[in-house]
Amino acid sequence: MAATKSANHGAQKQRPIFAQSFFPVQVAVFEHPNEGRPNFSVRLTRSFRRDEQSEWETTEYLSVQDLLPASRLLTAAYDAIQQRQEEVYRERQHDRTDQRGRQF
């Protein structure tokens, strides 16, 4: 799990394990440990500007033209999570095999 220190009081800011964008829609996947097993959360946002002079903002609300890019991004996020879960499963299987080999 990736983390970086933020400027405010040395608090840890978590980095996503997967991020992708089809402008203006972005997705990020975060991994959280939960009793030795990974737990995942997904953040889907859309960037927008209120006018040409305003700063970029983000929202979780999508418009009709955002739906197809969002669905493709969510599919990619799902695939990334599945790949990570398979990695964790293989690591556990390898650890169990190592432990059994040492017992005998």
Protein backbone atom coordinates (compact mmCIF):
# COMPACT_ATOMS: atom_id res chain seq x y z
CA MET A 1 0.00 0.00 0.00
CA ALA A 2 1.53 3.30 -1.07
CA ALA A 3 1.47 6.32 1.18
CA THR A 4 3.13 9.70 1.22
CA LYS A 5 3.47 12.36 3.89
CA SER A 6 1.32 15.41 3.32
CA ALA A 7 2.33 18.94 4.27
CA ASN A 8 -0.17 19.14 7.14
CA HIS A 9 1.37 17.79 10.34
CA GLY A 10 3.14 14.82 8.70
CA ALA A 11 -0.12 12.90 8.20
CA GLN A 12 -0.02 10.00 5.79
CA LYS A 13 -1.83 10.49 2.47
CA GLN A 14 -2.61 7.24 0.74
CA ARG A 15 -1.75 6.83 -2.93
CA PRO A 16 -3.94 4.76 -5.23
CA ILE A 17 -2.73 1.35 -6.37
CA PHE A 18 -4.40 2.06 -9.72
CA ALA A 19 -5.46 5.29 -11.41
CA GLN A 20 -6.66 6.04 -14.92
CA SER A 21 -8.39 8.89 -16.69
CA PHE A 22 -10.56 9.46 -19.75
CA PHE A 23 -10.78 13.21 -19.44
CA PRO A 24 -12.82 14.58 -17.75
CA VAL A 25 -13.54 11.37 -15.78
CA GLN A 26 -10.99 9.76 -13.44
CA VAL A 27 -10.93 6.59 -11.35
CA ALA A 28 -8.63 5.66 -8.48
CA VAL A 29 -8.43 2.39 -6.53
CA PHE A 30 -7.16 2.33 -2.95
CA GLU A 31 -6.11 -0.74 -0.98
CA HIS A 32 -6.73 -0.95 2.76
CA PRO A 33 -5.51 -3.80 4.97
CA ASN A 34 -8.27 -5.60 6.86
CA GLU A 35 -7.19 -8.41 9.18
CA GLY A 36 -4.45 -9.50 6.78
CA ARG A 37 -6.66 -9.36 3.71
CA PRO A 38 -6.90 -6.49 1.27
CA ASN A 39 -9.99 -4.34 1.12
CA PHE A 40 -10.50 -1.94 -1.78
CA SER A 41 -12.30 1.33 -2.33
CA VAL A 42 -12.87 3.06 -5.66
CA ARG A 43 -13.19 6.77 -6.28
CA LEU A 44 -14.79 7.99 -9.52
CA THR A 45 -14.74 11.73 -10.21
CA ARG A 46 -15.32 14.19 -13.03
CA SER A 47 -13.35 17.41 -13.51
CA PHE A 48 -15.08 20.61 -14.60
CA ARG A 49 -14.75 24.37 -14.71
CA ARG A 50 -17.63 26.75 -14.08
CA ASP A 51 -16.22 29.19 -16.65
CA GLU A 52 -12.95 29.87 -18.50
CA GLN A 53 -11.48 31.90 -15.61
CA SER A 54 -12.40 29.53 -12.77
CA GLU A 55 -10.22 26.84 -11.22
CA TRP A 56 -10.75 23.16 -12.01
CA GLU A 57 -13.07 21.38 -9.58
CA THR A 58 -14.17 17.77 -9.18
CA THR A 59 -17.55 16.20 -8.58
CA GLU A 60 -18.96 12.70 -8.23
CA TYR A 61 -21.94 13.62 -10.42
CA LEU A 62 -21.76 12.48 -14.03
CA SER A 63 -23.47 13.73 -17.15
CA VAL A 64 -24.74 11.52 -19.97
CA GLN A 65 -21.56 11.91 -22.03
CA ASP A 66 -19.51 10.74 -19.01
CA LEU A 67 -21.26 7.39 -18.67
CA LEU A 68 -19.36 5.39 -21.31
CA PRO A 69 -15.91 6.60 -20.20
CA ALA A 70 -16.92 5.96 -16.58
CA SER A 71 -18.01 2.40 -17.39
CA ARG A 72 -14.70 1.70 -19.14
CA LEU A 73 -12.75 3.17 -16.24
CA LEU A 74 -14.73 1.10 -13.73
CA THR A 75 -14.06 -2.03 -15.80
CA ALA A 76 -10.33 -1.24 -15.72
CA ALA A 77 -10.53 -0.64 -11.96
CA TYR A 78 -12.32 -3.96 -11.49
CA ASP A 79 -9.62 -5.73 -13.51
CA ALA A 80 -6.87 -4.09 -11.42
CA ILE A 81 -8.57 -5.21 -8.20
CA GLN A 82 -8.98 -8.76 -9.49
CA GLN A 83 -5.31 -8.87 -10.48
CA ARG A 84 -4.26 -7.64 -7.03
CA GLN A 85 -6.50 -10.21 -5.31
CA GLU A 86 -4.94 -12.97 -7.41
CA GLU A 87 -1.45 -11.74 -6.40
CA VAL A 88 -2.42 -11.83 -2.72
CA TYR A 89 -3.89 -15.33 -3.14
CA ARG A 90 -0.71 -16.60 -4.83
CA GLU A 91 1.46 -15.04 -2.11
CA ARG A 92 -0.61 -16.80 0.56
CA GLN A 93 -0.43 -20.11 -1.26
CA HIS A 94 3.34 -19.71 -1.58
CA ASP A 95 3.66 -18.86 2.12
CA ARG A 96 1.59 -21.91 3.08
CA THR A 97 3.71 -24.14 0.86
CA ASP A 98 6.89 -22.76 2.46
CA GLN A 99 5.50 -23.35 5.96
CA ARG A 100 4.52 -26.93 5.14
CA GLY A 101 7.95 -27.62 3.69
CA ARG A 102 9.67 -26.42 6.85
CA GLN A 103 7.50 -28.53 9.15
CA PHE A 104 8.69 -31.83 7.71
